[in-house]
Amino acid sequence: MDHKWDTGIYDGDMAFVSRFGESLLELLQPQEGEYILDWGCGTGDLTASIAHSGARVTGIDASPEMLAAARAKHPELEFVLADGQSFLSPVPADAIFSNAALHWLTDAEGAAASIAGSLRPGGRLVAEFGAHGNIASVVRGLPSAFEAAGAAGKLQLPWYFPTVGEYASLLEKHGLEVELAFCFHRPTPLEDGTAGFRKWVNTFANGVLRVLDDSARQAVLEHLEQELAPTLFRDGRWVMDYRRLRVVARKRG
């Protein structure tokens, strides 16, 4: 799916992505001298945080827009344009870190094989991404919104939201021993009051909406706002129904 990122909005109104990812670094515990891959690095802020530990880090991402922003902000770091569903690191990594990225890799088998193939024996994966039930309101609301806009046949969802069992089994299949895996609800407030939801959809579901002309796109947005406001809009702001999966696994060796 053709998804274009507005990195200005991503770093501004959607800065919660990196902010919530900071606690994941405590699980990673990067060490000086380690080689670490940031799998789906976005605009590179958490890549830079890893580098501050003294580790050598490379960020990979499939979005040219994201990498251009990352290189502009952090020119001292290495960033590689790569598809995390097929990338194999030429140098086996001590660790792979991934925040809010793996749910975009719908070829989960390919991604798991790539991660396993890019780790040294004993190397670790530390990741967090959308779990089964993440943004359930949007996932449920999009079909009726597209139907109301006369575009039912054009809807294609771009996300992979597995259960703990599904993802743990997938990693085990590819030679990774799961040490920690759990799901948790993380209600996520958006900035900009009433405009917050529309900005969120235009950022994170842009690839879903790109198939629509302007009038159909507006119809979908209006339908979603009306349908979801009773549950997601409270106290003057939108609060998204995020549900996350956090996992730590180690490559057998």
C-alpha atoms as a PDB file:
ATOM      1  CA  MET A   1       0.000   0.000   0.000  1.00  0.00           C
ATOM      2  CA  ASP A   2       1.327   3.436  -0.965  1.00  0.00           C
ATOM      3  CA  HIS A   3       1.658   5.313   2.316  1.00  0.00           C
ATOM      4  CA  LYS A   4       3.247   8.783   2.274  1.00  0.00           C
ATOM      5  CA  TRP A   5       4.344  10.311   5.563  1.00  0.00           C
ATOM      6  CA  ASP A   6       4.142  13.977   6.546  1.00  0.00           C
ATOM      7  CA  THR A   7       7.169  14.033   8.833  1.00  0.00           C
ATOM      8  CA  GLY A   8       6.376  17.495  10.171  1.00  0.00           C
ATOM      9  CA  ILE A   9       3.044  16.341  11.570  1.00  0.00           C
ATOM     10  CA  TYR A  10       4.625  13.037  12.673  1.00  0.00           C
ATOM     11  CA  ASP A  11       7.309  14.812  14.730  1.00  0.00           C
ATOM     12  CA  GLY A  12       4.902  17.476  15.994  1.00  0.00           C
ATOM     13  CA  ASP A  13       1.344  16.370  16.673  1.00  0.00           C
ATOM     14  CA  MET A  14       2.278  12.652  16.714  1.00  0.00           C
ATOM     15  CA  ALA A  15       5.380  13.016  18.920  1.00  0.00           C
ATOM     16  CA  PHE A  16       3.783  10.542  21.359  1.00  0.00           C
ATOM     17  CA  VAL A  17       5.157   7.739  19.138  1.00  0.00           C
ATOM     18  CA  SER A  18       8.744   8.382  20.224  1.00  0.00           C
ATOM     19  CA  ARG A  19       7.768   9.546  23.709  1.00  0.00           C
ATOM     20  CA  PHE A  20       6.001   6.287  24.560  1.00  0.00           C
ATOM     21  CA  GLY A  21       8.888   4.355  22.996  1.00  0.00           C
ATOM     22  CA  GLU A  22      11.390   5.733  25.486  1.00  0.00           C
ATOM     23  CA  SER A  23      10.344   3.216  28.148  1.00  0.00           C
ATOM     24  CA  LEU A  24      11.129   0.430  25.691  1.00  0.00           C
ATOM     25  CA  LEU A  25      14.789   1.506  25.790  1.00  0.00           C
ATOM     26  CA  GLU A  26      14.878   0.404  29.423  1.00  0.00           C
ATOM     27  CA  LEU A  27      14.212  -3.148  28.242  1.00  0.00           C
ATOM     28  CA  LEU A  28      16.804  -2.878  25.482  1.00  0.00           C
ATOM     29  CA  GLN A  29      19.555  -1.680  27.841  1.00  0.00           C
ATOM     30  CA  PRO A  30      21.986  -0.849  25.020  1.00  0.00           C
ATOM     31  CA  GLN A  31      25.627  -1.286  25.943  1.00  0.00           C
ATOM     32  CA  GLU A  32      28.701   0.531  24.747  1.00  0.00           C
ATOM     33  CA  GLY A  33      30.272  -1.283  21.809  1.00  0.00           C
ATOM     34  CA  GLU A  34      27.150  -3.219  20.802  1.00  0.00           C
ATOM     35  CA  TYR A  35      25.833  -3.094  17.248  1.00  0.00           C
ATOM     36  CA  ILE A  36      22.099  -2.405  17.233  1.00  0.00           C
ATOM     37  CA  LEU A  37      19.537  -2.085  14.430  1.00  0.00           C
ATOM     38  CA  ASP A  38      16.521   0.209  14.850  1.00  0.00           C
ATOM     39  CA  TRP A  39      13.929  -1.635  12.746  1.00  0.00           C
ATOM     40  CA  GLY A  40      11.484   0.929  11.381  1.00  0.00           C
ATOM     41  CA  CYS A  41      13.335   3.930  12.787  1.00  0.00           C
ATOM     42  CA  GLY A  42      11.010   6.662  11.512  1.00  0.00           C
ATOM     43  CA  THR A  43      12.567  10.090  11.960  1.00  0.00           C
ATOM     44  CA  GLY A  44      15.384   8.707  14.081  1.00  0.00           C
ATOM     45  CA  ASP A  45      14.848  10.140  17.561  1.00  0.00           C
ATOM     46  CA  LEU A  46      14.989   6.777  19.336  1.00  0.00           C
ATOM     47  CA  THR A  47      17.901   5.755  17.104  1.00  0.00           C
ATOM     48  CA  ALA A  48      19.754   8.756  18.504  1.00  0.00           C
ATOM     49  CA  SER A  49      18.800   7.791  22.062  1.00  0.00           C
ATOM     50  CA  ILE A  50      20.310   4.340  21.501  1.00  0.00           C
ATOM     51  CA  ALA A  51      23.488   5.911  20.107  1.00  0.00           C
ATOM     52  CA  HIS A  52      23.878   8.013  23.255  1.00  0.00           C
ATOM     53  CA  SER A  53      24.549   4.783  25.156  1.00  0.00           C
ATOM     54  CA  GLY A  54      27.766   4.288  23.203  1.00  0.00           C
ATOM     55  CA  ALA A  55      26.325   1.541  21.010  1.00  0.00           C
ATOM     56  CA  ARG A  56      26.816   1.647  17.253  1.00  0.00           C
ATOM     57  CA  VAL A  57      23.362   1.866  15.694  1.00  0.00           C
ATOM     58  CA  THR A  58      21.878   1.766  12.208  1.00  0.00           C
ATOM     59  CA  GLY A  59      18.311   2.836  11.551  1.00  0.00           C
ATOM     60  CA  ILE A  60      16.357   1.171   8.750  1.00  0.00           C
ATOM     61  CA  ASP A  61      13.043   2.291   7.317  1.00  0.00           C
ATOM     62  CA  ALA A  62      11.110   1.808   4.079  1.00  0.00           C
ATOM     63  CA  SER A  63       9.977   5.455   3.918  1.00  0.00           C
ATOM     64  CA  PRO A  64      12.217   7.905   2.022  1.00  0.00           C
ATOM     65  CA  GLU A  65      10.381  10.779   3.739  1.00  0.00           C
ATOM     66  CA  MET A  66      11.130   9.396   7.198  1.00  0.00           C
ATOM     67  CA  LEU A  67      14.782   8.784   6.397  1.00  0.00           C
ATOM     68  CA  ALA A  68      15.258  12.248   4.891  1.00  0.00           C
ATOM     69  CA  ALA A  69      13.981  13.743   8.160  1.00  0.00           C
ATOM     70  CA  ALA A  70      16.132  11.362  10.235  1.00  0.00           C
ATOM     71  CA  ARG A  71      19.295  12.258   8.297  1.00  0.00           C
ATOM     72  CA  ALA A  72      18.546  15.977   8.583  1.00  0.00           C
ATOM     73  CA  LYS A  73      18.092  15.752  12.357  1.00  0.00           C
ATOM     74  CA  HIS A  74      20.847  13.218  13.078  1.00  0.00           C
ATOM     75  CA  PRO A  75      23.503  13.507  10.328  1.00  0.00           C
ATOM     76  CA  GLU A  76      26.070  11.720  12.494  1.00  0.00           C
ATOM     77  CA  LEU A  77      24.075   8.460  12.398  1.00  0.00           C
ATOM     78  CA  GLU A  78      23.667   5.803   9.713  1.00  0.00           C
ATOM     79  CA  PHE A  79      20.237   5.321   8.170  1.00  0.00           C
ATOM     80  CA  VAL A  80      19.430   2.782   5.449  1.00  0.00           C
ATOM     81  CA  LEU A  81      16.413   2.674   3.133  1.00  0.00           C
ATOM     82  CA  ALA A  82      15.242  -0.917   3.498  1.00  0.00           C
ATOM     83  CA  ASP A  83      12.137  -3.072   3.699  1.00  0.00           C
ATOM     84  CA  GLY A  84      12.003  -4.743   7.108  1.00  0.00           C
ATOM     85  CA  GLN A  85      10.144  -7.667   5.520  1.00  0.00           C
ATOM     86  CA  SER A  86      13.175  -8.685   3.451  1.00  0.00           C
ATOM     87  CA  PHE A  87      16.246  -6.828   4.766  1.00  0.00           C
ATOM     88  CA  LEU A  88      19.229  -8.857   5.968  1.00  0.00           C
ATOM     89  CA  SER A  89      21.949  -7.017   7.806  1.00  0.00           C
ATOM     90  CA  PRO A  90      25.416  -7.543   6.309  1.00  0.00           C
ATOM     91  CA  VAL A  91      26.748  -7.427   9.872  1.00  0.00           C
ATOM     92  CA  PRO A  92      24.890  -9.582  12.432  1.00  0.00           C
ATOM     93  CA  ALA A  93      23.469  -7.362  15.156  1.00  0.00           C
ATOM     94  CA  ASP A  94      23.729  -7.789  18.916  1.00  0.00           C
ATOM     95  CA  ALA A  95      20.181  -6.457  19.193  1.00  0.00           C
ATOM     96  CA  ILE A  96      17.230  -5.301  17.127  1.00  0.00           C
ATOM     97  CA  PHE A  97      15.005  -2.582  18.532  1.00  0.00           C
ATOM     98  CA  SER A  98      11.610  -1.747  17.042  1.00  0.00           C
ATOM     99  CA  ASN A  99       9.012   0.726  18.272  1.00  0.00           C
ATOM    100  CA  ALA A 100       5.580   1.206  16.652  1.00  0.00           C
ATOM    101  CA  ALA A 101       6.759  -0.290  13.361  1.00  0.00           C
ATOM    102  CA  LEU A 102       6.146  -4.034  13.130  1.00  0.00           C
ATOM    103  CA  HIS A 103       2.381  -3.626  12.697  1.00  0.00           C
ATOM    104  CA  TRP A 104       3.126  -1.960   9.330  1.00  0.00           C
ATOM    105  CA  LEU A 105       4.918  -5.116   8.114  1.00  0.00           C
ATOM    106  CA  THR A 106       1.984  -7.203   6.948  1.00  0.00           C
ATOM    107  CA  ASP A 107       4.323  -9.914   5.655  1.00  0.00           C
ATOM    108  CA  ALA A 108       4.923 -10.995   9.226  1.00  0.00           C
ATOM    109  CA  GLU A 109       6.667 -14.195   8.142  1.00  0.00           C
ATOM    110  CA  GLY A 110       9.116 -12.208   6.048  1.00  0.00           C
ATOM    111  CA  ALA A 111       9.739  -9.733   8.839  1.00  0.00           C
ATOM    112  CA  ALA A 112      10.368 -12.469  11.421  1.00  0.00           C
ATOM    113  CA  ALA A 113      12.765 -14.261   9.064  1.00  0.00           C
ATOM    114  CA  SER A 114      14.580 -10.991   8.351  1.00  0.00           C
ATOM    115  CA  ILE A 115      14.914 -10.160  12.033  1.00  0.00           C
ATOM    116  CA  ALA A 116      16.190 -13.640  12.869  1.00  0.00           C
ATOM    117  CA  GLY A 117      18.614 -13.547   9.940  1.00  0.00           C
ATOM    118  CA  SER A 118      19.979 -10.166  11.031  1.00  0.00           C
ATOM    119  CA  LEU A 119      20.773 -11.175  14.620  1.00  0.00           C
ATOM    120  CA  ARG A 120      23.865 -12.974  15.819  1.00  0.00           C
ATOM    121  CA  PRO A 121      23.301 -16.163  17.852  1.00  0.00           C
ATOM    122  CA  GLY A 122      22.266 -14.983  21.307  1.00  0.00           C
ATOM    123  CA  GLY A 123      21.238 -11.584  19.957  1.00  0.00           C
ATOM    124  CA  ARG A 124      17.999 -10.078  21.226  1.00  0.00           C
ATOM    125  CA  LEU A 125      14.855  -8.508  19.829  1.00  0.00           C
ATOM    126  CA  VAL A 126      13.110  -5.809  21.867  1.00  0.00           C
ATOM    127  CA  ALA A 127       9.934  -4.542  20.236  1.00  0.00           C
ATOM    128  CA  GLU A 128       6.582  -2.921  20.814  1.00  0.00           C
ATOM    129  CA  PHE A 129       3.791  -2.491  18.282  1.00  0.00           C
ATOM    130  CA  GLY A 130       0.035  -2.720  17.806  1.00  0.00           C
ATOM    131  CA  ALA A 131      -1.590  -5.816  19.296  1.00  0.00           C
ATOM    132  CA  HIS A 132      -4.842  -7.531  18.394  1.00  0.00           C
ATOM    133  CA  GLY A 133      -7.542  -5.004  19.264  1.00  0.00           C
ATOM    134  CA  ASN A 134      -5.367  -1.959  18.605  1.00  0.00           C
ATOM    135  CA  ILE A 135      -7.462   0.974  17.274  1.00  0.00           C
ATOM    136  CA  ALA A 136     -10.403  -1.431  17.211  1.00  0.00           C
ATOM    137  CA  SER A 137     -12.843   1.454  16.804  1.00  0.00           C
ATOM    138  CA  VAL A 138     -11.173   2.603  13.592  1.00  0.00           C
ATOM    139  CA  VAL A 139     -10.834  -0.935  12.234  1.00  0.00           C
ATOM    140  CA  ARG A 140     -14.562  -1.489  12.854  1.00  0.00           C
ATOM    141  CA  GLY A 141     -15.575   1.949  11.580  1.00  0.00           C
ATOM    142  CA  LEU A 142     -13.700   2.071   8.279  1.00  0.00           C
ATOM    143  CA  PRO A 143     -15.854  -0.493   6.386  1.00  0.00           C
ATOM    144  CA  SER A 144     -19.097   1.356   7.109  1.00  0.00           C
ATOM    145  CA  ALA A 145     -17.439   4.725   6.375  1.00  0.00           C
ATOM    146  CA  PHE A 146     -16.211   3.510   2.987  1.00  0.00           C
ATOM    147  CA  GLU A 147     -19.601   2.003   2.241  1.00  0.00           C
ATOM    148  CA  ALA A 148     -21.352   5.272   3.111  1.00  0.00           C
ATOM    149  CA  ALA A 149     -18.978   7.101   0.756  1.00  0.00           C
ATOM    150  CA  GLY A 150     -19.766   4.669  -2.079  1.00  0.00           C
ATOM    151  CA  ALA A 151     -16.266   3.162  -2.007  1.00  0.00           C
ATOM    152  CA  ALA A 152     -16.767  -0.156  -0.224  1.00  0.00           C
ATOM    153  CA  GLY A 153     -14.661  -2.118  -2.722  1.00  0.00           C
ATOM    154  CA  LYS A 154     -11.649   0.156  -2.285  1.00  0.00           C
ATOM    155  CA  LEU A 155     -10.923  -0.466   1.393  1.00  0.00           C
ATOM    156  CA  GLN A 156      -7.659  -2.218   2.187  1.00  0.00           C
ATOM    157  CA  LEU A 157      -6.354  -2.219   5.752  1.00  0.00           C
ATOM    158  CA  PRO A 158      -2.554  -1.907   6.038  1.00  0.00           C
ATOM    159  CA  TRP A 159      -1.965  -3.214   9.569  1.00  0.00           C
ATOM    160  CA  TYR A 160      -0.908  -6.466  11.238  1.00  0.00           C
ATOM    161  CA  PHE A 161      -2.200  -6.674  14.820  1.00  0.00           C
ATOM    162  CA  PRO A 162      -1.457 -10.152  16.240  1.00  0.00           C
ATOM    163  CA  THR A 163      -2.284 -11.737  19.571  1.00  0.00           C
ATOM    164  CA  VAL A 164       0.511 -12.599  21.994  1.00  0.00           C
ATOM    165  CA  GLY A 165       0.159 -16.271  21.102  1.00  0.00           C
ATOM    166  CA  GLU A 166       0.284 -15.658  17.372  1.00  0.00           C
ATOM    167  CA  TYR A 167       3.381 -13.509  17.536  1.00  0.00           C
ATOM    168  CA  ALA A 168       5.240 -15.634  20.086  1.00  0.00           C
ATOM    169  CA  SER A 169       4.621 -18.702  17.917  1.00  0.00           C
ATOM    170  CA  LEU A 170       5.868 -16.848  14.837  1.00  0.00           C
ATOM    171  CA  LEU A 171       9.116 -15.834  16.540  1.00  0.00           C
ATOM    172  CA  GLU A 172       9.666 -19.341  17.910  1.00  0.00           C
ATOM    173  CA  LYS A 173       9.182 -20.751  14.422  1.00  0.00           C
ATOM    174  CA  HIS A 174      12.040 -18.562  13.189  1.00  0.00           C
ATOM    175  CA  GLY A 175      14.484 -19.538  15.912  1.00  0.00           C
ATOM    176  CA  LEU A 176      13.814 -16.848  18.504  1.00  0.00           C
ATOM    177  CA  GLU A 177      13.134 -17.843  22.106  1.00  0.00           C
ATOM    178  CA  VAL A 178      10.531 -15.529  23.622  1.00  0.00           C
ATOM    179  CA  GLU A 179      11.515 -14.293  27.078  1.00  0.00           C
ATOM    180  CA  LEU A 180       8.747 -11.725  27.578  1.00  0.00           C
ATOM    181  CA  ALA A 181       5.486 -11.060  25.732  1.00  0.00           C
ATOM    182  CA  PHE A 182       2.408  -9.225  26.939  1.00  0.00           C
ATOM    183  CA  CYS A 183      -0.401  -6.981  25.740  1.00  0.00           C
ATOM    184  CA  PHE A 184      -1.667  -3.863  27.443  1.00  0.00           C
ATOM    185  CA  HIS A 185      -4.187  -1.127  26.802  1.00  0.00           C
ATOM    186  CA  ARG A 186      -2.649   2.300  26.293  1.00  0.00           C
ATOM    187  CA  PRO A 187      -5.288   4.984  25.712  1.00  0.00           C
ATOM    188  CA  THR A 188      -3.453   7.690  23.760  1.00  0.00           C
ATOM    189  CA  PRO A 189      -4.625  11.324  23.867  1.00  0.00           C
ATOM    190  CA  LEU A 190      -4.226  13.392  20.717  1.00  0.00           C
ATOM    191  CA  GLU A 191      -3.273  17.042  20.372  1.00  0.00           C
ATOM    192  CA  ASP A 192      -5.347  19.826  18.780  1.00  0.00           C
ATOM    193  CA  GLY A 193      -8.765  19.233  20.339  1.00  0.00           C
ATOM    194  CA  THR A 194     -11.520  18.516  17.834  1.00  0.00           C
ATOM    195  CA  ALA A 195      -9.044  18.462  14.930  1.00  0.00           C
ATOM    196  CA  GLY A 196      -6.898  15.748  16.517  1.00  0.00           C
ATOM    197  CA  PHE A 197      -8.666  12.736  15.097  1.00  0.00           C
ATOM    198  CA  ARG A 198      -8.633  13.984  11.531  1.00  0.00           C
ATOM    199  CA  LYS A 199      -4.898  14.676  11.816  1.00  0.00           C
ATOM    200  CA  TRP A 200      -4.371  11.175  13.210  1.00  0.00           C
ATOM    201  CA  VAL A 201      -6.286   9.543  10.334  1.00  0.00           C
ATOM    202  CA  ASN A 202      -4.469  11.662   7.726  1.00  0.00           C
ATOM    203  CA  THR A 203      -1.151  10.573   9.268  1.00  0.00           C
ATOM    204  CA  PHE A 204      -1.623   6.906  10.124  1.00  0.00           C
ATOM    205  CA  ALA A 205      -4.346   5.919   7.636  1.00  0.00           C
ATOM    206  CA  ASN A 206      -3.170   8.059   4.739  1.00  0.00           C
ATOM    207  CA  GLY A 207      -2.437   4.953   2.687  1.00  0.00           C
ATOM    208  CA  VAL A 208      -6.001   3.743   3.286  1.00  0.00           C
ATOM    209  CA  LEU A 209      -7.502   7.025   2.093  1.00  0.00           C
ATOM    210  CA  ARG A 210      -5.218   7.685  -0.889  1.00  0.00           C
ATOM    211  CA  VAL A 211      -7.430   5.511  -3.107  1.00  0.00           C
ATOM    212  CA  LEU A 212     -10.306   8.004  -2.672  1.00  0.00           C
ATOM    213  CA  ASP A 213     -11.032  11.244  -4.475  1.00  0.00           C
ATOM    214  CA  ASP A 214     -11.324  14.386  -2.358  1.00  0.00           C
ATOM    215  CA  SER A 215     -15.098  14.223  -1.869  1.00  0.00           C
ATOM    216  CA  ALA A 216     -15.086  10.550  -0.885  1.00  0.00           C
ATOM    217  CA  ARG A 217     -12.152  11.151   1.459  1.00  0.00           C
ATOM    218  CA  GLN A 218     -14.026  13.937   3.219  1.00  0.00           C
ATOM    219  CA  ALA A 219     -17.135  11.757   3.456  1.00  0.00           C
ATOM    220  CA  VAL A 220     -15.129   8.959   5.096  1.00  0.00           C
ATOM    221  CA  LEU A 221     -13.524  11.339   7.589  1.00  0.00           C
ATOM    222  CA  GLU A 222     -16.860  12.906   8.526  1.00  0.00           C
ATOM    223  CA  HIS A 223     -18.511   9.500   8.924  1.00  0.00           C
ATOM    224  CA  LEU A 224     -15.707   8.259  11.169  1.00  0.00           C
ATOM    225  CA  GLU A 225     -15.782  11.389  13.320  1.00  0.00           C
ATOM    226  CA  GLN A 226     -19.532  11.167  13.847  1.00  0.00           C
ATOM    227  CA  GLU A 227     -19.470   7.435  14.568  1.00  0.00           C
ATOM    228  CA  LEU A 228     -16.485   7.411  16.913  1.00  0.00           C
ATOM    229  CA  ALA A 229     -16.859  10.683  18.809  1.00  0.00           C
ATOM    230  CA  PRO A 230     -19.240   9.206  21.425  1.00  0.00           C
ATOM    231  CA  THR A 231     -16.556   6.748  22.567  1.00  0.00           C
ATOM    232  CA  LEU A 232     -13.247   8.425  21.682  1.00  0.00           C
ATOM    233  CA  PHE A 233     -13.863  12.151  22.220  1.00  0.00           C
ATOM    234  CA  ARG A 234     -13.989  13.263  25.842  1.00  0.00           C
ATOM    235  CA  ASP A 235     -12.975  16.282  27.876  1.00  0.00           C
ATOM    236  CA  GLY A 236     -12.236  18.273  24.752  1.00  0.00           C
ATOM    237  CA  ARG A 237      -9.856  15.857  23.059  1.00  0.00           C
ATOM    238  CA  TRP A 238      -9.693  12.597  21.190  1.00  0.00           C
ATOM    239  CA  VAL A 239      -8.225   9.584  22.996  1.00  0.00           C
ATOM    240  CA  MET A 240      -7.286   6.692  20.714  1.00  0.00           C
ATOM    241  CA  ASP A 241      -7.915   3.117  21.829  1.00  0.00           C
ATOM    242  CA  TYR A 242      -4.372   1.815  21.488  1.00  0.00           C
ATOM    243  CA  ARG A 243      -3.504  -1.716  22.581  1.00  0.00           C
ATOM    244  CA  ARG A 244       0.158  -2.673  22.431  1.00  0.00           C
ATOM    245  CA  LEU A 245       2.210  -5.859  22.305  1.00  0.00           C
ATOM    246  CA  ARG A 246       5.631  -5.738  23.957  1.00  0.00           C
ATOM    247  CA  VAL A 247       8.101  -8.551  23.355  1.00  0.00           C
ATOM    248  CA  VAL A 248      11.650  -9.532  24.217  1.00  0.00           C
ATOM    249  CA  ALA A 249      13.133 -12.548  22.451  1.00  0.00           C
ATOM    250  CA  ARG A 250      16.594 -14.015  21.935  1.00  0.00           C
ATOM    251  CA  LYS A 251      18.015 -15.859  18.933  1.00  0.00           C
ATOM    252  CA  ARG A 252      18.973 -19.411  19.723  1.00  0.00           C
ATOM    253  CA  GLY A 253      22.636 -20.135  19.263  1.00  0.00           C
END
